[in-house]
Each structure stands twice: as structure tokens, then as C-alpha cells.
């Protein structure tokens, strides 16, 4: 029996496209053996491994982004081109000043967002052992102290997701044992190789890294941070995706990590990408294991993996 694995990349709101991909796989009755995720890919993948179906993951996400605590977090204030035509001058000015006051406060702590509020938001995530999940799962985080990559294959699902999705400078790093952990995308954008470590023998990578081509110059410190992260993630994904057998790219690369107001459209983009590639996905799932091993060996000889 084939062991079909998913490598789900990070990208903030763009990563909600993973839900659309999972919905199509459910509709096609494609059994998933294992999932490894980074950042939002860790969240979506972990919830899928917990619930066992994409519909409940989708319901969870809609409930979470409409929760008062998430709204209080104010991710919309960090969106590029945040001005909206329906806001008057004073509302725009208030947002402008408020965001910058928050940024100044952050100079005396480890993240833009308050640690207590962030902790309260993560309480929504099931706190269950990864070993007890319905599907094999792991999440990638990066240790700020050693620079090492940490692959969570055991322990608290909530803690693993929280560490993997701690966007540097935006969300507080997670202290665990001797680690100070941040977003897995700092070291592993789309973890195609890591999902093989938990048993997958064929891997579908879902890449939601942002397009790095732009003609606009950054206008503030946040846009510089976003831009630097986009460039790093892009080059990491090019390298890591060589380890996947098949890669699909939902049409969300033009969006920012904070575009949660476009959740419905992002999920739909994931569905569309999966449907457009469903023949290739089924071919991968049903491909002979020995032929796959030969293909992997040839790729290694060529230096492609």
C-alpha cells in the first residue's frame, strides 16, 4: 500500500489554501498517510491530522478568525496597503498612529504582538499528544539560539503548532526546554524531505510562498520585513521542493500573510489547484513503489534531491 504524504508550506493566510487541497483529496477518497507542515502548513496539517477531515478544519478556521481574541490581535493593521476607501481620514490616521505605537512598544519585547494575547488565541488549538493523532504528523520549527531545525514528532500538538507558526518579530518565540523557537519557515519552507522521515514514500508538496518579483519599493519597516521573508522563503522552497514527487501552487502568491479577510477565496484557490492537478495526484498515489525508488535514486545521482 502506498504511503502518500503531504508537505504543507508556510505563508500565513496564503496557507489556508491547504484546506482547499485537503477538501479535494477528501472528495476523491485519497488516503493520506502522513503530513509535515511549516507555519500555517503546520496548523492546517495538524488540525487535519486531529479531525481526520477537511470540513472540520475549515469550520475551525472560520471560527478562529472570527473569534474576538483574533480580531483583537489586529492582524489587519499589518497588511500592506492597509488603507481602505471606506475609512475616513481620522480612522486612517488612528490606524497609522496605533500601529506605530504598538511597534515602538515592541522594541522592549520579543514580538510585535503581546505574548499573553497570543497565548489566549492558541488555547483554541486542541492540546493533544501528536502520537495520538489519526494521521502521522510533524511540525517544523527553528531554534533561534542554535539555528537548528526542530521537527516535532511527539508531544503537545498545540505547542508544536505554536512554535512552528511564531513568525519572527511578529509573534513571540516559544521557550521549550533549551530552545527558543520560531516559525519553521525560517529554515524549512516546504518540508518535502521531512515528511519522508515519518513514513511517506511519495510526497505532494503544496507551495504557497509569495511571488518575489516586484517593482514597488518598500515604504516602511514592516514592508522590508515582509520582503526579506518572501525572498528567503522563495529560495528555500526552490531547494526543498526538489525532494517532492509532485508540487502544486495555488494561485495565492500575490497575497500577503495577513489577508485573512480573503479566507474564502484562498481556500477556493487551493481547491482549484488540486482539481487541476488531480490526475497527476492520483497517478502519484498509484505509482509503483519500486519505480518511485528508482526515480528517487536517479534524482539523487543528478543532484536534484
Protein backbone atom coordinates (compact mmCIF):
# COMPACT_ATOMS: atom_id res chain seq x y z
CA UNK A 1 0.00 0.00 0.00
CA UNK A 2 1.29 3.46 -0.89
CA UNK A 3 2.17 5.90 1.86
CA UNK A 4 1.08 9.23 0.43
CA UNK A 5 2.48 12.22 2.29
CA UNK A 6 1.83 15.95 2.20
CA UNK A 7 4.38 18.73 2.72
CA UNK A 8 2.47 21.91 3.54
CA UNK A 9 4.38 25.17 3.31
CA UNK A 10 4.09 28.35 5.33
CA UNK A 11 2.69 31.68 4.21
CA UNK A 12 0.25 32.98 6.81
CA UNK A 13 -3.19 33.48 5.33
CA UNK A 14 -1.95 32.10 1.99
CA UNK A 15 -1.51 28.77 3.74
CA UNK A 16 -5.27 28.46 4.15
CA UNK A 17 -5.18 27.24 0.55
CA UNK A 18 -4.04 23.92 2.06
CA UNK A 19 -7.61 23.46 3.30
CA UNK A 20 -8.90 23.60 -0.27
CA UNK A 21 -6.36 20.99 -1.36
CA UNK A 22 -7.39 18.71 1.52
CA UNK A 23 -11.08 19.13 0.66
CA UNK A 24 -10.45 17.84 -2.86
CA UNK A 25 -8.36 14.91 -1.58
CA UNK A 26 -11.25 14.01 0.75
CA UNK A 27 -13.75 14.20 -2.10
CA UNK A 28 -11.56 11.87 -4.16
CA UNK A 29 -11.17 9.47 -1.21
CA UNK A 30 -7.38 9.76 -1.35
CA UNK A 31 -5.92 8.37 1.86
CA UNK A 32 -3.20 10.47 3.46
CA UNK A 33 -0.56 8.57 5.38
CA UNK A 34 1.41 11.49 6.80
CA UNK A 35 1.66 15.29 6.90
CA UNK A 36 4.51 17.61 7.76
CA UNK A 37 3.96 21.35 7.88
CA UNK A 38 5.64 24.67 8.47
CA UNK A 39 3.88 27.68 9.98
CA UNK A 40 0.32 27.80 8.60
CA UNK A 41 1.01 24.44 6.97
CA UNK A 42 1.71 23.08 10.46
CA UNK A 43 -1.59 24.48 11.74
CA UNK A 44 -3.74 23.20 8.87
CA UNK A 45 -1.91 19.88 8.74
CA UNK A 46 -2.13 19.40 12.49
CA UNK A 47 -5.84 20.13 12.57
CA UNK A 48 -6.40 17.70 9.69
CA UNK A 49 -4.41 15.01 11.50
CA UNK A 50 -6.57 15.66 14.57
CA UNK A 51 -10.02 15.83 12.95
CA UNK A 52 -9.40 13.48 10.04
CA UNK A 53 -11.32 15.58 7.53
CA UNK A 54 -11.02 18.96 5.82
CA UNK A 55 -14.56 20.16 6.59
CA UNK A 56 -13.91 20.33 10.32
CA UNK A 57 -10.60 22.08 9.69
CA UNK A 58 -12.39 24.69 7.58
CA UNK A 59 -15.04 25.19 10.26
CA UNK A 60 -12.32 25.61 12.90
CA UNK A 61 -10.52 28.26 10.84
CA UNK A 62 -13.65 30.33 10.22
CA UNK A 63 -14.50 30.16 13.90
CA UNK A 64 -10.94 31.15 14.86
CA UNK A 65 -10.60 34.19 12.57
CA UNK A 66 -13.97 35.46 13.75
CA UNK A 67 -13.13 34.93 17.42
CA UNK A 68 -12.98 38.19 19.45
CA UNK A 69 -9.43 37.43 20.58
CA UNK A 70 -8.18 37.04 17.00
CA UNK A 71 -9.94 40.25 15.98
CA UNK A 72 -8.38 41.98 18.99
CA UNK A 73 -4.97 40.85 17.75
CA UNK A 74 -5.39 43.20 14.79
CA UNK A 75 -3.51 41.38 12.02
CA UNK A 76 -5.33 43.57 9.50
CA UNK A 77 -3.29 46.56 10.68
CA UNK A 78 -0.12 44.85 9.45
CA UNK A 79 -1.40 44.33 5.93
CA UNK A 80 0.45 46.09 3.18
CA UNK A 81 -1.65 48.79 1.52
CA UNK A 82 -3.85 48.80 4.59
CA UNK A 83 -5.86 51.90 3.68
CA UNK A 84 -9.44 51.19 2.68
CA UNK A 85 -11.66 53.56 0.70
CA UNK A 86 -14.48 53.28 3.22
CA UNK A 87 -12.33 54.70 6.03
CA UNK A 88 -12.28 58.42 6.58
CA UNK A 89 -9.12 60.41 7.24
CA UNK A 90 -9.39 60.24 11.03
CA UNK A 91 -9.89 56.46 11.02
CA UNK A 92 -6.88 56.01 8.76
CA UNK A 93 -4.83 58.34 10.96
CA UNK A 94 -5.83 56.41 14.09
CA UNK A 95 -4.74 53.13 12.47
CA UNK A 96 -1.48 54.73 11.38
CA UNK A 97 -0.64 56.05 14.84
CA UNK A 98 -1.89 52.95 16.65
CA UNK A 99 0.25 50.59 14.59
CA UNK A 100 3.37 52.66 15.17
CA UNK A 101 2.78 52.94 18.92
CA UNK A 102 2.46 49.16 19.01
CA UNK A 103 5.72 48.86 17.05
CA UNK A 104 7.53 51.17 19.50
CA UNK A 105 6.29 49.08 22.42
CA UNK A 106 7.63 46.00 20.67
CA UNK A 107 11.16 47.41 20.90
CA UNK A 108 11.14 46.40 24.57
CA UNK A 109 9.91 42.85 23.99
CA UNK A 110 10.49 39.94 21.60
CA UNK A 111 7.50 40.40 19.31
CA UNK A 112 5.06 42.89 17.84
CA UNK A 113 2.06 41.06 19.28
CA UNK A 114 1.55 40.75 23.03
CA UNK A 115 2.55 37.34 24.41
CA UNK A 116 -0.45 36.99 26.73
CA UNK A 117 -2.98 37.67 23.97
CA UNK A 118 -1.14 35.32 21.63
CA UNK A 119 -1.25 32.56 24.28
CA UNK A 120 -5.01 33.04 24.67
CA UNK A 121 -5.54 32.64 20.93
CA UNK A 122 -3.57 29.39 20.80
CA UNK A 123 -5.81 27.94 23.52
CA UNK A 124 -8.29 27.28 20.70
CA UNK A 125 -5.98 24.59 19.30
CA UNK A 126 -6.51 21.06 20.70
CA UNK A 127 -3.84 20.17 23.26
CA UNK A 128 -3.40 16.52 22.43
CA UNK A 129 -0.29 14.35 22.01
CA UNK A 130 0.96 14.20 18.43
CA UNK A 131 1.43 10.44 18.90
CA UNK A 132 -2.37 10.04 19.31
CA UNK A 133 -3.39 11.80 16.10
CA UNK A 134 -5.37 9.98 13.41
CA UNK A 135 -2.66 10.64 10.81
CA UNK A 136 1.12 10.67 11.19
CA UNK A 137 2.19 14.26 11.67
CA UNK A 138 5.14 16.50 12.35
CA UNK A 139 5.75 20.25 12.50
CA UNK A 140 8.92 22.19 11.75
CA UNK A 141 10.26 24.98 13.97
CA UNK A 142 13.61 26.77 14.12
CA UNK A 143 15.73 27.31 17.23
CA UNK A 144 16.87 30.93 17.45
CA UNK A 145 19.77 30.04 19.77
CA UNK A 146 21.47 27.25 17.83
CA UNK A 147 19.99 27.88 14.40
CA UNK A 148 18.94 24.23 14.29
CA UNK A 149 15.77 22.94 12.75
CA UNK A 150 13.44 21.13 15.14
CA UNK A 151 10.98 18.54 13.83
CA UNK A 152 8.16 17.92 16.31
CA UNK A 153 7.06 14.28 16.01
CA UNK A 154 5.94 13.86 19.63
CA UNK A 155 4.50 15.96 22.43
CA UNK A 156 1.80 18.61 22.51
CA UNK A 157 0.12 19.41 19.19
CA UNK A 158 -0.71 22.91 20.44
CA UNK A 159 2.88 23.60 21.46
CA UNK A 160 4.25 22.30 18.14
CA UNK A 161 1.89 24.46 16.10
CA UNK A 162 2.56 27.50 18.25
CA UNK A 163 6.32 27.13 17.80
CA UNK A 164 6.12 26.40 14.09
CA UNK A 165 3.95 29.44 13.39
CA UNK A 166 5.81 32.01 15.52
CA UNK A 167 6.58 34.47 12.72
CA UNK A 168 9.87 36.20 13.67
CA UNK A 169 9.29 39.62 15.17
CA UNK A 170 5.50 39.32 14.81
CA UNK A 171 4.56 36.51 17.22
CA UNK A 172 6.56 35.73 20.38
CA UNK A 173 9.12 32.91 20.20
CA UNK A 174 8.29 29.76 22.15
CA UNK A 175 10.54 28.67 25.00
CA UNK A 176 10.74 24.90 25.23
CA UNK A 177 13.45 23.02 27.12
CA UNK A 178 16.69 24.65 25.94
CA UNK A 179 15.13 26.02 22.75
CA UNK A 180 13.84 29.45 21.78
CA UNK A 181 11.65 28.52 18.83
CA UNK A 182 10.30 30.49 15.88
CA UNK A 183 8.49 29.86 12.61
CA UNK A 184 9.70 26.72 10.82
CA UNK A 185 9.77 28.64 7.56
CA UNK A 186 12.99 30.30 8.75
CA UNK A 187 14.78 27.05 7.94
CA UNK A 188 12.36 24.83 6.00
CA UNK A 189 9.77 26.46 3.77
CA UNK A 190 8.06 23.37 2.30
CA UNK A 191 9.20 20.28 4.26
CA UNK A 192 9.12 17.67 1.50
CA UNK A 193 12.08 15.74 2.89
CA UNK A 194 10.85 15.77 6.46
CA UNK A 195 7.56 14.05 5.68
CA UNK A 196 9.53 11.08 4.37
CA UNK A 197 11.11 10.80 7.83
CA UNK A 198 7.72 9.94 9.31
CA UNK A 199 6.97 7.25 6.75
CA UNK A 200 5.82 8.78 3.46
CA UNK A 201 7.15 7.06 0.33
CA UNK A 202 5.64 9.59 -2.09
CA UNK A 203 5.21 13.31 -1.46
CA UNK A 204 2.92 16.04 -2.71
CA UNK A 205 4.28 19.49 -1.90
CA UNK A 206 1.90 22.45 -1.65
CA UNK A 207 3.79 25.69 -2.20
CA UNK A 208 2.20 28.99 -1.16
CA UNK A 209 5.35 31.09 -0.98
CA UNK A 210 4.87 34.59 -2.28
CA UNK A 211 5.99 35.78 -5.69
CA UNK A 212 9.28 37.68 -5.21
CA UNK A 213 9.09 39.77 -8.36
CA UNK A 214 8.04 43.33 -7.59
CA UNK A 215 8.53 46.81 -8.95
CA UNK A 216 7.46 48.64 -5.80
CA UNK A 217 10.00 49.77 -3.23
CA UNK A 218 9.27 49.08 0.48
CA UNK A 219 7.60 52.04 2.18
CA UNK A 220 8.17 51.15 5.84
CA UNK A 221 9.90 48.74 8.20
CA UNK A 222 7.10 46.18 8.00
CA UNK A 223 7.26 46.00 4.22
CA UNK A 224 11.02 45.48 4.45
CA UNK A 225 10.48 42.61 6.90
CA UNK A 226 7.81 41.08 4.66
CA UNK A 227 10.05 41.44 1.61
CA UNK A 228 13.05 39.82 3.31
CA UNK A 229 10.88 36.91 4.47
CA UNK A 230 9.43 36.46 0.97
CA UNK A 231 12.87 36.28 -0.62
CA UNK A 232 14.17 33.80 1.96
CA UNK A 233 11.08 31.59 1.68
CA UNK A 234 11.22 31.60 -2.11
CA UNK A 235 14.82 30.41 -2.32
CA UNK A 236 14.29 27.84 0.44
CA UNK A 237 11.23 26.46 -1.32
CA UNK A 238 13.11 26.09 -4.63
CA UNK A 239 15.68 23.97 -2.81
CA UNK A 240 13.35 21.93 -0.61
CA UNK A 241 10.74 21.21 -3.27
CA UNK A 242 13.25 19.14 -5.22
CA UNK A 243 12.51 16.44 -2.67
CA UNK A 244 8.80 16.33 -3.57
CA UNK A 245 7.44 13.98 -6.24
CA UNK A 246 4.80 16.49 -7.29
CA UNK A 247 4.30 20.17 -6.47
CA UNK A 248 1.15 22.25 -6.81
CA UNK A 249 0.95 26.02 -6.39
CA UNK A 250 -2.44 27.55 -5.58
CA UNK A 251 -2.91 30.99 -7.10
CA UNK A 252 -2.39 32.95 -3.89
CA UNK A 253 1.16 34.18 -4.39
CA UNK A 254 0.03 37.79 -4.85
CA UNK A 255 -1.45 37.94 -1.32
CA UNK A 256 0.20 38.86 1.99
CA UNK A 257 0.39 36.66 5.09
CA UNK A 258 -2.22 38.89 6.79
CA UNK A 259 -5.01 38.64 4.17
CA UNK A 260 -7.34 36.66 6.42
CA UNK A 261 -10.30 38.68 5.12
CA UNK A 262 -9.89 36.70 1.88
CA UNK A 263 -10.10 33.28 3.51
CA UNK A 264 -12.96 32.04 1.33
CA UNK A 265 -11.14 32.97 -1.88
CA UNK A 266 -7.87 31.47 -0.64
CA UNK A 267 -9.48 28.13 0.21
CA UNK A 268 -11.18 28.13 -3.19
CA UNK A 269 -7.79 28.70 -4.86
CA UNK A 270 -6.49 25.60 -3.09
CA UNK A 271 -9.45 23.59 -4.35
CA UNK A 272 -8.90 24.80 -7.89
CA UNK A 273 -5.19 23.92 -7.84
CA UNK A 274 -5.93 20.42 -6.55
CA UNK A 275 -8.67 19.81 -9.12
CA UNK A 276 -6.44 21.00 -11.95
CA UNK A 277 -3.77 18.52 -10.85
CA UNK A 278 -5.96 15.67 -9.64
CA UNK A 279 -4.96 13.33 -12.48
CA UNK A 280 -1.28 13.76 -11.61
CA UNK A 281 -2.03 13.38 -7.88
CA UNK A 282 -3.85 10.09 -8.49
CA UNK A 283 -1.02 8.90 -10.72
CA UNK A 284 1.42 9.63 -7.91
CA UNK A 285 -0.72 7.84 -5.31
CA UNK A 286 -0.99 4.75 -7.51
CA UNK A 287 2.58 4.71 -8.84
CA UNK A 288 4.55 1.53 -8.25
CA UNK A 289 6.75 1.85 -5.15
CA UNK A 290 9.77 0.23 -6.80
CA UNK A 291 9.60 2.62 -9.74
CA UNK A 292 9.42 5.52 -7.31
CA UNK A 293 12.53 4.29 -5.50
CA UNK A 294 14.40 4.12 -8.81
CA UNK A 295 13.24 7.64 -9.71
CA UNK A 296 14.42 8.96 -6.31
CA UNK A 297 17.77 7.25 -6.78
CA UNK A 298 18.23 8.79 -10.22
CA UNK A 299 17.30 12.24 -8.85
CA UNK A 300 19.95 11.90 -6.13
CA UNK A 301 22.57 10.92 -8.69
CA UNK A 302 21.68 14.03 -10.70
CA UNK A 303 21.75 16.18 -7.57
CA UNK A 304 18.07 17.08 -7.86
CA UNK A 305 17.18 15.78 -4.40
